[in-house]
C-alpha cells in the first residue's frame, strides 16, 4: 500500500545527493542549521498576542517541524 511517503531507499538517495551537492559547492552542512526561515505574519501575530500554543501549532504545520523545534522557534520569536 502506498501511503505517499518516500521509501527508506529514496530517502537514502536524497541524502547522498544532498551530501554530494554540499561537497561539490564547498558548502558547510552545519551552516544550513543556522538559516532562519521567514515566519508567516500569522505566526508572528500569534506570538505578539501571547498565543504561544497556537503559534507553535501553526509553526509545526507551516514547516512540518517537530514539537521541540517549533517550541524553540516560537521561543526565539518571543524575544
C-alpha atoms as a PDB file:
ATOM      1  CA  UNK A   1       0.000   0.000   0.000  1.00  0.00           C
ATOM      2  CA  UNK A   2       1.374   3.429  -0.954  1.00  0.00           C
ATOM      3  CA  UNK A   3       0.748   5.999   1.778  1.00  0.00           C
ATOM      4  CA  UNK A   4       2.508   8.792  -0.101  1.00  0.00           C
ATOM      5  CA  UNK A   5       5.697   8.739   1.989  1.00  0.00           C
ATOM      6  CA  UNK A   6       9.039   8.148   0.303  1.00  0.00           C
ATOM      7  CA  UNK A   7      10.631   4.781   0.866  1.00  0.00           C
ATOM      8  CA  UNK A   8      13.713   4.475   3.048  1.00  0.00           C
ATOM      9  CA  UNK A   9      15.725   3.796  -0.111  1.00  0.00           C
ATOM     10  CA  UNK A  10      14.514   7.038  -1.705  1.00  0.00           C
ATOM     11  CA  UNK A  11      15.466   8.969   1.424  1.00  0.00           C
ATOM     12  CA  UNK A  12      18.936   7.424   1.310  1.00  0.00           C
ATOM     13  CA  UNK A  13      19.305   8.500  -2.319  1.00  0.00           C
ATOM     14  CA  UNK A  14      18.222  12.059  -1.475  1.00  0.00           C
ATOM     15  CA  UNK A  15      20.623  12.224   1.465  1.00  0.00           C
ATOM     16  CA  UNK A  16      23.510  11.102  -0.764  1.00  0.00           C
ATOM     17  CA  UNK A  17      22.569  13.700  -3.358  1.00  0.00           C
ATOM     18  CA  UNK A  18      22.478  16.478  -0.774  1.00  0.00           C
ATOM     19  CA  UNK A  19      25.814  15.371   0.668  1.00  0.00           C
ATOM     20  CA  UNK A  20      27.286  15.421  -2.835  1.00  0.00           C
ATOM     21  CA  UNK A  21      25.928  18.919  -3.518  1.00  0.00           C
ATOM     22  CA  UNK A  22      27.394  20.292  -0.279  1.00  0.00           C
ATOM     23  CA  UNK A  23      30.793  18.832  -1.160  1.00  0.00           C
ATOM     24  CA  UNK A  24      30.621  19.908  -4.812  1.00  0.00           C
ATOM     25  CA  UNK A  25      29.842  23.525  -3.946  1.00  0.00           C
ATOM     26  CA  UNK A  26      32.135  23.619  -0.911  1.00  0.00           C
ATOM     27  CA  UNK A  27      29.295  24.364   1.487  1.00  0.00           C
ATOM     28  CA  UNK A  28      29.278  23.756   5.226  1.00  0.00           C
ATOM     29  CA  UNK A  29      26.324  21.471   6.094  1.00  0.00           C
ATOM     30  CA  UNK A  30      26.207  22.964   9.592  1.00  0.00           C
ATOM     31  CA  UNK A  31      25.501  26.399   8.103  1.00  0.00           C
ATOM     32  CA  UNK A  32      22.109  25.191   6.902  1.00  0.00           C
ATOM     33  CA  UNK A  33      21.049  24.759  10.520  1.00  0.00           C
ATOM     34  CA  UNK A  34      21.745  28.448  11.162  1.00  0.00           C
ATOM     35  CA  UNK A  35      19.429  29.722   8.434  1.00  0.00           C
ATOM     36  CA  UNK A  36      16.258  31.280   9.775  1.00  0.00           C
ATOM     37  CA  UNK A  37      13.265  30.663   7.566  1.00  0.00           C
ATOM     38  CA  UNK A  38      10.868  33.568   7.108  1.00  0.00           C
ATOM     39  CA  UNK A  39       8.000  33.115   9.537  1.00  0.00           C
ATOM     40  CA  UNK A  40       4.498  33.812   8.246  1.00  0.00           C
ATOM     41  CA  UNK A  41       2.927  37.010   9.603  1.00  0.00           C
ATOM     42  CA  UNK A  42       0.071  34.997  11.141  1.00  0.00           C
ATOM     43  CA  UNK A  43       2.530  33.183  13.403  1.00  0.00           C
ATOM     44  CA  UNK A  44       4.350  36.327  14.477  1.00  0.00           C
ATOM     45  CA  UNK A  45       0.966  37.927  15.223  1.00  0.00           C
ATOM     46  CA  UNK A  46       0.028  34.965  17.431  1.00  0.00           C
ATOM     47  CA  UNK A  47       3.301  35.328  19.315  1.00  0.00           C
ATOM     48  CA  UNK A  48       2.786  39.065  19.700  1.00  0.00           C
ATOM     49  CA  UNK A  49      -0.735  38.420  21.053  1.00  0.00           C
ATOM     50  CA  UNK A  50       0.592  35.931  23.618  1.00  0.00           C
ATOM     51  CA  UNK A  51      -0.964  32.888  21.919  1.00  0.00           C
ATOM     52  CA  UNK A  52       2.109  30.696  22.186  1.00  0.00           C
ATOM     53  CA  UNK A  53       0.391  27.322  21.806  1.00  0.00           C
ATOM     54  CA  UNK A  54      -1.452  28.425  18.654  1.00  0.00           C
ATOM     55  CA  UNK A  55       1.811  29.850  17.285  1.00  0.00           C
ATOM     56  CA  UNK A  56       3.601  26.548  17.925  1.00  0.00           C
ATOM     57  CA  UNK A  57       0.773  24.612  16.269  1.00  0.00           C
ATOM     58  CA  UNK A  58       0.801  26.841  13.199  1.00  0.00           C
ATOM     59  CA  UNK A  59       4.618  26.788  13.023  1.00  0.00           C
ATOM     60  CA  UNK A  60       4.558  22.983  13.036  1.00  0.00           C
ATOM     61  CA  UNK A  61       2.040  22.962  10.206  1.00  0.00           C
ATOM     62  CA  UNK A  62       3.861  25.603   8.152  1.00  0.00           C
ATOM     63  CA  UNK A  63       7.306  23.995   8.419  1.00  0.00           C
ATOM     64  CA  UNK A  64       6.491  20.332   9.169  1.00  0.00           C
ATOM     65  CA  UNK A  65       8.580  20.852  12.317  1.00  0.00           C
ATOM     66  CA  UNK A  66       8.753  18.678  15.385  1.00  0.00           C
ATOM     67  CA  UNK A  67       7.163  19.934  18.591  1.00  0.00           C
ATOM     68  CA  UNK A  68      10.613  20.618  20.040  1.00  0.00           C
ATOM     69  CA  UNK A  69      11.808  22.583  17.004  1.00  0.00           C
ATOM     70  CA  UNK A  70       8.581  24.592  16.806  1.00  0.00           C
ATOM     71  CA  UNK A  71       8.706  25.412  20.516  1.00  0.00           C
ATOM     72  CA  UNK A  72      12.295  26.628  20.179  1.00  0.00           C
ATOM     73  CA  UNK A  73      11.466  28.712  17.112  1.00  0.00           C
ATOM     74  CA  UNK A  74       8.471  30.356  18.772  1.00  0.00           C
ATOM     75  CA  UNK A  75      10.601  30.976  21.847  1.00  0.00           C
ATOM     76  CA  UNK A  76      13.085  32.840  19.663  1.00  0.00           C
ATOM     77  CA  UNK A  77      10.261  34.936  18.247  1.00  0.00           C
ATOM     78  CA  UNK A  78       9.192  35.932  21.758  1.00  0.00           C
ATOM     79  CA  UNK A  79      12.483  37.699  22.404  1.00  0.00           C
END
